Amino acid sequence: MRILLVEDDPRIGNFVAKGLREQAYAVDVAANGEDALYQASINPYDLAILDVLIPAPDGFEVCRRLRQSGLRFPILMLTARDTTDDRVQGLDTGADDYLTKPFEFRELLARLRALLRRSGELRPSRIAVDDLVLDMAAQTAARGGRQIPLTTKEYALLEYLARHAGRVVGREEISEHVWDETFDPFTNTIEVYVNRLRRKVDAQPAKPLIHTRRGAGYMLGDAAPGGVAAASDAAAPGERAKTGQPNSGANPPTDLRAAGKKHV
């Protein structure tokens, strides 16, 4: 899932963004209202976290304009102002939920999960594709009872394919929902990650579940539709090709492992 985080305090913004990325979310950060409106106009978001006290226009006005423009993704408003009037104003401008500072990071995650469940798309806690099972809460994957070791980004890509199992998903759609604004469309990053998943998910003797339609995209499923092959995508030897994603294949940061015990 791709999230727009609007927060003008760099300390809080960095903390929340790192924590969300560790949970396999793609995150774009805006520090003021104008940047937030611009980002929302050019990128498809699944949810927005919007601080109220940001440089003009403030969070209330940003929320109002987003709704006026027809955008319907869930909006969670953050603020240090916890009066009833503030909460009412935020909800009346179009916000779906309201969280006051300071807050525990685990509560923020719980509220995001609740908002995503309400967004009109059923989001089960577990997804099974043939003998591949993904646990959304634990962010783990297993095939035939065998646990599959995955990095955060590998899991995010596999989850997105699993949520759309049975249909071909294009590179542009993948880049818009699994990566953030730093993604470079002129690299072979997606192909590299798909190949990594193939080696882990489709390891012999298991039958292939990840299929490629040349020029169209990828599909996760137990049978390939016409024109879809399970062959690996071309990648530079040893996957040394430029990916444009520093450390994107590495394990996620560990400084937020105990984020649920910290306050922002």
C-alpha atoms as a PDB file:
ATOM      1  CA  MET A   1       0.000   0.000   0.000  1.00  0.00           C
ATOM      2  CA  ARG A   2       1.189   3.519  -0.777  1.00  0.00           C
ATOM      3  CA  ILE A   3       0.734   6.273   1.813  1.00  0.00           C
ATOM      4  CA  LEU A   4       1.054  10.059   1.659  1.00  0.00           C
ATOM      5  CA  LEU A   5       2.474  11.358   4.950  1.00  0.00           C
ATOM      6  CA  VAL A   6       2.067  15.123   5.486  1.00  0.00           C
ATOM      7  CA  GLU A   7       4.150  16.288   8.454  1.00  0.00           C
ATOM      8  CA  ASP A   8       6.284  19.432   8.782  1.00  0.00           C
ATOM      9  CA  ASP A   9       8.269  18.236  11.831  1.00  0.00           C
ATOM     10  CA  PRO A  10      11.277  16.376  10.346  1.00  0.00           C
ATOM     11  CA  ARG A  11      11.802  14.324  13.500  1.00  0.00           C
ATOM     12  CA  ILE A  12       8.252  13.014  13.582  1.00  0.00           C
ATOM     13  CA  GLY A  13       8.089  12.652   9.809  1.00  0.00           C
ATOM     14  CA  ASN A  14      11.252  10.569   9.651  1.00  0.00           C
ATOM     15  CA  PHE A  15      10.201   8.406  12.593  1.00  0.00           C
ATOM     16  CA  VAL A  16       6.755   7.646  11.174  1.00  0.00           C
ATOM     17  CA  ALA A  17       8.019   7.127   7.612  1.00  0.00           C
ATOM     18  CA  LYS A  18      10.688   4.653   8.745  1.00  0.00           C
ATOM     19  CA  GLY A  19       8.196   2.758  10.847  1.00  0.00           C
ATOM     20  CA  LEU A  20       5.687   2.522   8.006  1.00  0.00           C
ATOM     21  CA  ARG A  21       8.329   1.377   5.527  1.00  0.00           C
ATOM     22  CA  GLU A  22       9.368  -1.303   7.974  1.00  0.00           C
ATOM     23  CA  GLN A  23       5.758  -2.478   7.825  1.00  0.00           C
ATOM     24  CA  ALA A  24       6.041  -2.814   4.004  1.00  0.00           C
ATOM     25  CA  TYR A  25       4.196   0.422   3.171  1.00  0.00           C
ATOM     26  CA  ALA A  26       5.514   2.694   0.422  1.00  0.00           C
ATOM     27  CA  VAL A  27       5.624   6.259   1.812  1.00  0.00           C
ATOM     28  CA  ASP A  28       5.883   9.697   0.231  1.00  0.00           C
ATOM     29  CA  VAL A  29       6.470  12.612   2.614  1.00  0.00           C
ATOM     30  CA  ALA A  30       5.256  16.201   2.156  1.00  0.00           C
ATOM     31  CA  ALA A  31       6.172  19.009   4.566  1.00  0.00           C
ATOM     32  CA  ASN A  32       3.493  21.564   3.672  1.00  0.00           C
ATOM     33  CA  GLY A  33       0.001  21.850   2.272  1.00  0.00           C
ATOM     34  CA  GLU A  34       0.968  22.836  -1.264  1.00  0.00           C
ATOM     35  CA  ASP A  35       3.329  19.884  -1.644  1.00  0.00           C
ATOM     36  CA  ALA A  36       0.671  17.570  -0.253  1.00  0.00           C
ATOM     37  CA  LEU A  37      -1.919  18.724  -2.782  1.00  0.00           C
ATOM     38  CA  TYR A  38       0.576  18.410  -5.622  1.00  0.00           C
ATOM     39  CA  GLN A  39       1.661  14.899  -4.609  1.00  0.00           C
ATOM     40  CA  ALA A  40      -1.953  13.782  -4.326  1.00  0.00           C
ATOM     41  CA  SER A  41      -2.688  15.146  -7.801  1.00  0.00           C
ATOM     42  CA  ILE A  42       0.040  13.114  -9.526  1.00  0.00           C
ATOM     43  CA  ASN A  43       0.253   9.900  -7.486  1.00  0.00           C
ATOM     44  CA  PRO A  44      -2.316   7.204  -6.647  1.00  0.00           C
ATOM     45  CA  TYR A  45      -2.462   6.810  -2.866  1.00  0.00           C
ATOM     46  CA  ASP A  46      -4.236   4.198  -0.784  1.00  0.00           C
ATOM     47  CA  LEU A  47      -4.307   6.417   2.315  1.00  0.00           C
ATOM     48  CA  ALA A  48      -3.088   9.777   3.670  1.00  0.00           C
ATOM     49  CA  ILE A  49      -1.787  10.717   7.119  1.00  0.00           C
ATOM     50  CA  LEU A  50      -2.324  14.453   7.427  1.00  0.00           C
ATOM     51  CA  ASP A  51      -1.023  16.699  10.197  1.00  0.00           C
ATOM     52  CA  VAL A  52      -3.248  19.678  10.932  1.00  0.00           C
ATOM     53  CA  LEU A  53      -0.581  22.258  11.843  1.00  0.00           C
ATOM     54  CA  ILE A  54       1.424  22.420   8.604  1.00  0.00           C
ATOM     55  CA  PRO A  55       2.514  25.473   6.565  1.00  0.00           C
ATOM     56  CA  ALA A  56      -0.374  26.904   4.547  1.00  0.00           C
ATOM     57  CA  PRO A  57      -2.732  25.641   3.524  1.00  0.00           C
ATOM     58  CA  ASP A  58      -3.235  23.850   6.835  1.00  0.00           C
ATOM     59  CA  GLY A  59      -4.381  20.274   7.200  1.00  0.00           C
ATOM     60  CA  PHE A  60      -8.079  21.159   7.397  1.00  0.00           C
ATOM     61  CA  GLU A  61      -7.892  23.040   4.101  1.00  0.00           C
ATOM     62  CA  VAL A  62      -5.826  20.315   2.434  1.00  0.00           C
ATOM     63  CA  CYS A  63      -8.398  17.732   3.473  1.00  0.00           C
ATOM     64  CA  ARG A  64     -11.241  19.868   2.165  1.00  0.00           C
ATOM     65  CA  ARG A  65      -9.520  20.387  -1.219  1.00  0.00           C
ATOM     66  CA  LEU A  66      -8.698  16.705  -1.566  1.00  0.00           C
ATOM     67  CA  ARG A  67     -12.352  15.821  -1.119  1.00  0.00           C
ATOM     68  CA  GLN A  68     -13.463  18.616  -3.462  1.00  0.00           C
ATOM     69  CA  SER A  69     -11.161  17.225  -6.148  1.00  0.00           C
ATOM     70  CA  GLY A  70     -12.902  13.862  -5.907  1.00  0.00           C
ATOM     71  CA  LEU A  71     -10.171  11.893  -4.124  1.00  0.00           C
ATOM     72  CA  ARG A  72     -11.722   9.289  -1.849  1.00  0.00           C
ATOM     73  CA  PHE A  73      -8.797   7.502  -0.209  1.00  0.00           C
ATOM     74  CA  PRO A  74      -8.986   7.369   3.608  1.00  0.00           C
ATOM     75  CA  ILE A  75      -7.481  10.309   5.511  1.00  0.00           C
ATOM     76  CA  LEU A  76      -6.162  10.074   9.068  1.00  0.00           C
ATOM     77  CA  MET A  77      -5.565  13.470  10.659  1.00  0.00           C
ATOM     78  CA  LEU A  78      -2.847  14.069  13.263  1.00  0.00           C
ATOM     79  CA  THR A  79      -2.705  17.006  15.626  1.00  0.00           C
ATOM     80  CA  ALA A  80      -1.551  18.138  19.045  1.00  0.00           C
ATOM     81  CA  ARG A  81      -4.861  20.012  19.382  1.00  0.00           C
ATOM     82  CA  ASP A  82      -7.322  17.636  20.998  1.00  0.00           C
ATOM     83  CA  THR A  83     -10.371  19.797  21.619  1.00  0.00           C
ATOM     84  CA  THR A  84     -13.758  18.550  20.491  1.00  0.00           C
ATOM     85  CA  ASP A  85     -14.097  21.490  18.081  1.00  0.00           C
ATOM     86  CA  ASP A  86     -10.836  20.529  16.360  1.00  0.00           C
ATOM     87  CA  ARG A  87     -11.903  16.896  15.982  1.00  0.00           C
ATOM     88  CA  VAL A  88     -15.306  17.912  14.647  1.00  0.00           C
ATOM     89  CA  GLN A  89     -13.736  20.328  12.161  1.00  0.00           C
ATOM     90  CA  GLY A  90     -11.339  17.675  10.896  1.00  0.00           C
ATOM     91  CA  LEU A  91     -14.085  15.093  10.423  1.00  0.00           C
ATOM     92  CA  ASP A  92     -16.407  17.621   8.805  1.00  0.00           C
ATOM     93  CA  THR A  93     -13.768  18.578   6.200  1.00  0.00           C
ATOM     94  CA  GLY A  94     -13.632  14.949   5.056  1.00  0.00           C
ATOM     95  CA  ALA A  95     -11.232  13.106   7.365  1.00  0.00           C
ATOM     96  CA  ASP A  96     -12.030   9.493   8.248  1.00  0.00           C
ATOM     97  CA  ASP A  97     -10.243   9.342  11.586  1.00  0.00           C
ATOM     98  CA  TYR A  98      -8.424  11.593  14.056  1.00  0.00           C
ATOM     99  CA  LEU A  99      -5.360  10.809  16.201  1.00  0.00           C
ATOM    100  CA  THR A 100      -3.900  13.233  18.739  1.00  0.00           C
ATOM    101  CA  LYS A 101      -0.222  13.645  19.597  1.00  0.00           C
ATOM    102  CA  PRO A 102       1.573  12.138  21.376  1.00  0.00           C
ATOM    103  CA  PHE A 103       0.544   8.678  20.160  1.00  0.00           C
ATOM    104  CA  GLU A 104       1.907   5.168  20.257  1.00  0.00           C
ATOM    105  CA  PHE A 105       3.124   3.929  16.903  1.00  0.00           C
ATOM    106  CA  ARG A 106       1.244   0.650  17.258  1.00  0.00           C
ATOM    107  CA  GLU A 107      -2.019   2.593  17.652  1.00  0.00           C
ATOM    108  CA  LEU A 108      -1.253   4.449  14.431  1.00  0.00           C
ATOM    109  CA  LEU A 109      -0.730   1.097  12.659  1.00  0.00           C
ATOM    110  CA  ALA A 110      -3.985  -0.269  14.078  1.00  0.00           C
ATOM    111  CA  ARG A 111      -5.908   2.779  12.886  1.00  0.00           C
ATOM    112  CA  LEU A 112      -4.375   2.478   9.406  1.00  0.00           C
ATOM    113  CA  ARG A 113      -5.420  -1.165   9.201  1.00  0.00           C
ATOM    114  CA  ALA A 114      -8.943  -0.236  10.285  1.00  0.00           C
ATOM    115  CA  LEU A 115      -9.178   2.540   7.690  1.00  0.00           C
ATOM    116  CA  LEU A 116      -7.939   0.265   4.934  1.00  0.00           C
ATOM    117  CA  ARG A 117     -10.546  -2.315   5.883  1.00  0.00           C
ATOM    118  CA  ARG A 118     -13.229   0.363   5.529  1.00  0.00           C
ATOM    119  CA  SER A 119     -11.973   1.633   2.175  1.00  0.00           C
ATOM    120  CA  GLY A 120     -14.299  -0.577   0.153  1.00  0.00           C
ATOM    121  CA  GLU A 121     -11.888  -3.409  -0.610  1.00  0.00           C
ATOM    122  CA  LEU A 122     -11.949  -6.573   1.508  1.00  0.00           C
ATOM    123  CA  ARG A 123      -8.480  -7.011   2.948  1.00  0.00           C
ATOM    124  CA  PRO A 124      -8.221 -10.444   4.566  1.00  0.00           C
ATOM    125  CA  SER A 125      -5.640 -11.195   7.230  1.00  0.00           C
ATOM    126  CA  ARG A 126      -4.413 -14.192   5.207  1.00  0.00           C
ATOM    127  CA  ILE A 127      -4.198 -14.804   1.472  1.00  0.00           C
ATOM    128  CA  ALA A 128      -3.753 -18.261  -0.061  1.00  0.00           C
ATOM    129  CA  VAL A 129      -2.744 -18.804  -3.690  1.00  0.00           C
ATOM    130  CA  ASP A 130      -2.489 -22.540  -4.320  1.00  0.00           C
ATOM    131  CA  ASP A 131      -0.116 -23.740  -1.553  1.00  0.00           C
ATOM    132  CA  LEU A 132       1.375 -20.252  -0.998  1.00  0.00           C
ATOM    133  CA  VAL A 133       0.025 -18.565   2.157  1.00  0.00           C
ATOM    134  CA  LEU A 134       0.677 -14.947   3.197  1.00  0.00           C
ATOM    135  CA  ASP A 135       0.011 -13.761   6.743  1.00  0.00           C
ATOM    136  CA  MET A 136      -0.703 -10.016   6.551  1.00  0.00           C
ATOM    137  CA  ALA A 137      -0.300  -9.316  10.264  1.00  0.00           C
ATOM    138  CA  ALA A 138       3.010 -11.155  10.633  1.00  0.00           C
ATOM    139  CA  GLN A 139       4.182 -10.197   7.119  1.00  0.00           C
ATOM    140  CA  THR A 140       5.348 -13.728   6.446  1.00  0.00           C
ATOM    141  CA  ALA A 141       4.959 -16.123   3.547  1.00  0.00           C
ATOM    142  CA  ALA A 142       5.045 -19.901   3.454  1.00  0.00           C
ATOM    143  CA  ARG A 143       4.703 -22.422   0.673  1.00  0.00           C
ATOM    144  CA  GLY A 144       3.738 -25.983   1.371  1.00  0.00           C
ATOM    145  CA  GLY A 145       4.398 -25.301   5.038  1.00  0.00           C
ATOM    146  CA  ARG A 146       7.932 -24.051   4.307  1.00  0.00           C
ATOM    147  CA  GLN A 147       8.659 -20.515   5.529  1.00  0.00           C
ATOM    148  CA  ILE A 148      10.031 -18.230   2.807  1.00  0.00           C
ATOM    149  CA  PRO A 149      12.647 -15.687   3.985  1.00  0.00           C
ATOM    150  CA  LEU A 150      11.780 -12.302   2.476  1.00  0.00           C
ATOM    151  CA  THR A 151      13.064  -8.752   2.792  1.00  0.00           C
ATOM    152  CA  THR A 152      10.514  -6.012   3.452  1.00  0.00           C
ATOM    153  CA  LYS A 153      10.337  -4.954  -0.188  1.00  0.00           C
ATOM    154  CA  GLU A 154      10.168  -8.544  -1.448  1.00  0.00           C
ATOM    155  CA  TYR A 155       7.241  -9.159   0.878  1.00  0.00           C
ATOM    156  CA  ALA A 156       5.496  -5.946  -0.238  1.00  0.00           C
ATOM    157  CA  LEU A 157       5.763  -6.969  -3.890  1.00  0.00           C
ATOM    158  CA  LEU A 158       4.587 -10.521  -3.206  1.00  0.00           C
ATOM    159  CA  GLU A 159       1.639  -9.249  -1.164  1.00  0.00           C
ATOM    160  CA  TYR A 160       0.593  -6.899  -3.952  1.00  0.00           C
ATOM    161  CA  LEU A 161       0.723  -9.721  -6.510  1.00  0.00           C
ATOM    162  CA  ALA A 162      -1.216 -11.971  -4.124  1.00  0.00           C
ATOM    163  CA  ARG A 163      -3.938  -9.360  -3.603  1.00  0.00           C
ATOM    164  CA  HIS A 164      -4.399  -9.337  -7.378  1.00  0.00           C
ATOM    165  CA  ALA A 165      -3.841 -13.039  -7.968  1.00  0.00           C
ATOM    166  CA  GLY A 166      -5.167 -14.362 -11.258  1.00  0.00           C
ATOM    167  CA  ARG A 167      -4.705 -11.171 -13.278  1.00  0.00           C
ATOM    168  CA  VAL A 168      -1.751  -9.574 -15.005  1.00  0.00           C
ATOM    169  CA  VAL A 169      -0.354  -6.582 -13.072  1.00  0.00           C
ATOM    170  CA  GLY A 170       1.687  -4.056 -15.062  1.00  0.00           C
ATOM    171  CA  ARG A 171       5.004  -2.486 -14.108  1.00  0.00           C
ATOM    172  CA  GLU A 172       3.433   0.964 -13.767  1.00  0.00           C
ATOM    173  CA  GLU A 173       0.794  -0.306 -11.353  1.00  0.00           C
ATOM    174  CA  ILE A 174       3.428  -2.109  -9.301  1.00  0.00           C
ATOM    175  CA  SER A 175       5.682   0.944  -9.153  1.00  0.00           C
ATOM    176  CA  GLU A 176       2.770   3.159  -8.072  1.00  0.00           C
ATOM    177  CA  HIS A 177       1.724   0.983  -5.134  1.00  0.00           C
ATOM    178  CA  VAL A 178       4.840  -0.891  -4.004  1.00  0.00           C
ATOM    179  CA  TRP A 179       7.447   1.866  -4.460  1.00  0.00           C
ATOM    180  CA  ASP A 180       7.414   5.548  -3.523  1.00  0.00           C
ATOM    181  CA  GLU A 181       8.283   8.712  -5.423  1.00  0.00           C
ATOM    182  CA  THR A 182      12.002   7.840  -5.488  1.00  0.00           C
ATOM    183  CA  PHE A 183      11.354   4.950  -7.893  1.00  0.00           C
ATOM    184  CA  ASP A 184      13.214   5.323 -11.201  1.00  0.00           C
ATOM    185  CA  PRO A 185      11.101   3.872 -14.052  1.00  0.00           C
ATOM    186  CA  PHE A 186      14.182   3.590 -16.267  1.00  0.00           C
ATOM    187  CA  THR A 187      15.784   0.919 -14.088  1.00  0.00           C
ATOM    188  CA  ASN A 188      15.107  -2.823 -13.974  1.00  0.00           C
ATOM    189  CA  THR A 189      14.333  -2.764 -10.256  1.00  0.00           C
ATOM    190  CA  ILE A 190      10.994  -4.548 -10.612  1.00  0.00           C
ATOM    191  CA  GLU A 191      12.469  -7.291 -12.798  1.00  0.00           C
ATOM    192  CA  VAL A 192      15.254  -7.858 -10.274  1.00  0.00           C
ATOM    193  CA  TYR A 193      12.760  -8.238  -7.424  1.00  0.00           C
ATOM    194  CA  VAL A 194      10.504 -10.534  -9.437  1.00  0.00           C
ATOM    195  CA  ASN A 195      13.493 -12.765 -10.149  1.00  0.00           C
ATOM    196  CA  ARG A 196      14.377 -12.831  -6.457  1.00  0.00           C
ATOM    197  CA  LEU A 197      10.819 -13.861  -5.612  1.00  0.00           C
ATOM    198  CA  ARG A 198      10.891 -16.567  -8.264  1.00  0.00           C
ATOM    199  CA  ARG A 199      13.990 -18.133  -6.771  1.00  0.00           C
ATOM    200  CA  LYS A 200      12.355 -18.167  -3.327  1.00  0.00           C
ATOM    201  CA  VAL A 201       8.690 -18.838  -4.076  1.00  0.00           C
ATOM    202  CA  ASP A 202       9.062 -21.132  -7.092  1.00  0.00           C
ATOM    203  CA  ALA A 203      12.052 -23.109  -5.832  1.00  0.00           C
ATOM    204  CA  GLN A 204      12.081 -26.658  -7.189  1.00  0.00           C
ATOM    205  CA  PRO A 205      10.254 -28.994  -6.982  1.00  0.00           C
ATOM    206  CA  ALA A 206       7.330 -26.562  -6.546  1.00  0.00           C
ATOM    207  CA  LYS A 207       5.375 -25.671  -9.667  1.00  0.00           C
ATOM    208  CA  PRO A 208       5.759 -22.066 -10.862  1.00  0.00           C
ATOM    209  CA  LEU A 209       3.297 -19.544  -9.463  1.00  0.00           C
ATOM    210  CA  ILE A 210       4.884 -16.314 -10.742  1.00  0.00           C
ATOM    211  CA  HIS A 211       4.276 -15.799 -14.449  1.00  0.00           C
ATOM    212  CA  THR A 212       5.307 -13.110 -16.945  1.00  0.00           C
ATOM    213  CA  ARG A 213       3.406 -11.687 -19.883  1.00  0.00           C
ATOM    214  CA  ARG A 214       6.020 -10.042 -22.040  1.00  0.00           C
ATOM    215  CA  GLY A 215       5.323  -6.347 -22.445  1.00  0.00           C
ATOM    216  CA  ALA A 216       2.336  -6.450 -20.067  1.00  0.00           C
ATOM    217  CA  GLY A 217       3.413  -7.450 -16.558  1.00  0.00           C
ATOM    218  CA  TYR A 218       3.255 -10.272 -14.038  1.00  0.00           C
ATOM    219  CA  MET A 219       0.685 -12.644 -12.605  1.00  0.00           C
ATOM    220  CA  LEU A 220       0.598 -14.764  -9.482  1.00  0.00           C
ATOM    221  CA  GLY A 221      -1.440 -17.922  -9.867  1.00  0.00           C
ATOM    222  CA  ASP A 222      -1.388 -21.691 -10.239  1.00  0.00           C
ATOM    223  CA  ALA A 223      -1.911 -21.631 -14.016  1.00  0.00           C
ATOM    224  CA  ALA A 224      -0.650 -19.252 -16.690  1.00  0.00           C
ATOM    225  CA  PRO A 225      -3.234 -17.734 -19.066  1.00  0.00           C
ATOM    226  CA  GLY A 226      -2.520 -17.633 -22.770  1.00  0.00           C
ATOM    227  CA  GLY A 227       0.681 -15.801 -23.615  1.00  0.00           C
ATOM    228  CA  VAL A 228       1.996 -15.884 -20.066  1.00  0.00           C
ATOM    229  CA  ALA A 229       5.270 -17.645 -19.331  1.00  0.00           C
ATOM    230  CA  ALA A 230       6.977 -18.563 -16.095  1.00  0.00           C
ATOM    231  CA  ALA A 231      10.449 -17.891 -17.490  1.00  0.00           C
ATOM    232  CA  SER A 232      12.655 -15.463 -15.600  1.00  0.00           C
ATOM    233  CA  ASP A 233      13.065 -11.888 -16.763  1.00  0.00           C
ATOM    234  CA  ALA A 234      16.378 -10.762 -18.167  1.00  0.00           C
ATOM    235  CA  ALA A 235      18.657  -9.125 -15.620  1.00  0.00           C
ATOM    236  CA  ALA A 236      22.246  -8.096 -15.571  1.00  0.00           C
ATOM    237  CA  PRO A 237      24.666 -10.861 -14.541  1.00  0.00           C
ATOM    238  CA  GLY A 238      24.584 -11.300 -10.790  1.00  0.00           C
ATOM    239  CA  GLU A 239      21.835  -8.669 -10.676  1.00  0.00           C
ATOM    240  CA  ARG A 240      24.443  -5.933 -10.742  1.00  0.00           C
ATOM    241  CA  ALA A 241      22.243  -3.693 -12.855  1.00  0.00           C
ATOM    242  CA  LYS A 242      21.382  -0.258 -11.523  1.00  0.00           C
ATOM    243  CA  THR A 243      18.211  -0.366  -9.434  1.00  0.00           C
ATOM    244  CA  GLY A 244      17.964   3.250  -8.329  1.00  0.00           C
ATOM    245  CA  GLN A 245      16.897   2.018  -4.876  1.00  0.00           C
ATOM    246  CA  PRO A 246      19.787   2.272  -2.380  1.00  0.00           C
ATOM    247  CA  ASN A 247      19.485  -0.468   0.239  1.00  0.00           C
ATOM    248  CA  SER A 248      16.041  -1.372  -1.125  1.00  0.00           C
ATOM    249  CA  GLY A 249      16.905  -5.046  -1.133  1.00  0.00           C
ATOM    250  CA  ALA A 250      18.481  -5.010   2.301  1.00  0.00           C
ATOM    251  CA  ASN A 251      16.766  -5.948   5.498  1.00  0.00           C
ATOM    252  CA  PRO A 252      14.661  -3.108   6.977  1.00  0.00           C
ATOM    253  CA  PRO A 253      16.042  -0.794   9.654  1.00  0.00           C
ATOM    254  CA  THR A 254      16.028  -2.256  13.130  1.00  0.00           C
ATOM    255  CA  ASP A 255      15.817   0.943  15.165  1.00  0.00           C
ATOM    256  CA  LEU A 256      12.012   0.824  15.107  1.00  0.00           C
ATOM    257  CA  ARG A 257      11.555  -2.812  16.076  1.00  0.00           C
ATOM    258  CA  ALA A 258      10.242  -1.602  19.405  1.00  0.00           C
ATOM    259  CA  ALA A 259       8.299   1.295  17.900  1.00  0.00           C
ATOM    260  CA  GLY A 260       5.135   0.073  19.527  1.00  0.00           C
ATOM    261  CA  LYS A 261       6.658   1.003  22.891  1.00  0.00           C
ATOM    262  CA  LYS A 262       7.625   4.508  21.856  1.00  0.00           C
ATOM    263  CA  HIS A 263       5.621   7.679  21.673  1.00  0.00           C
ATOM    264  CA  VAL A 264       5.722  10.386  19.010  1.00  0.00           C
END
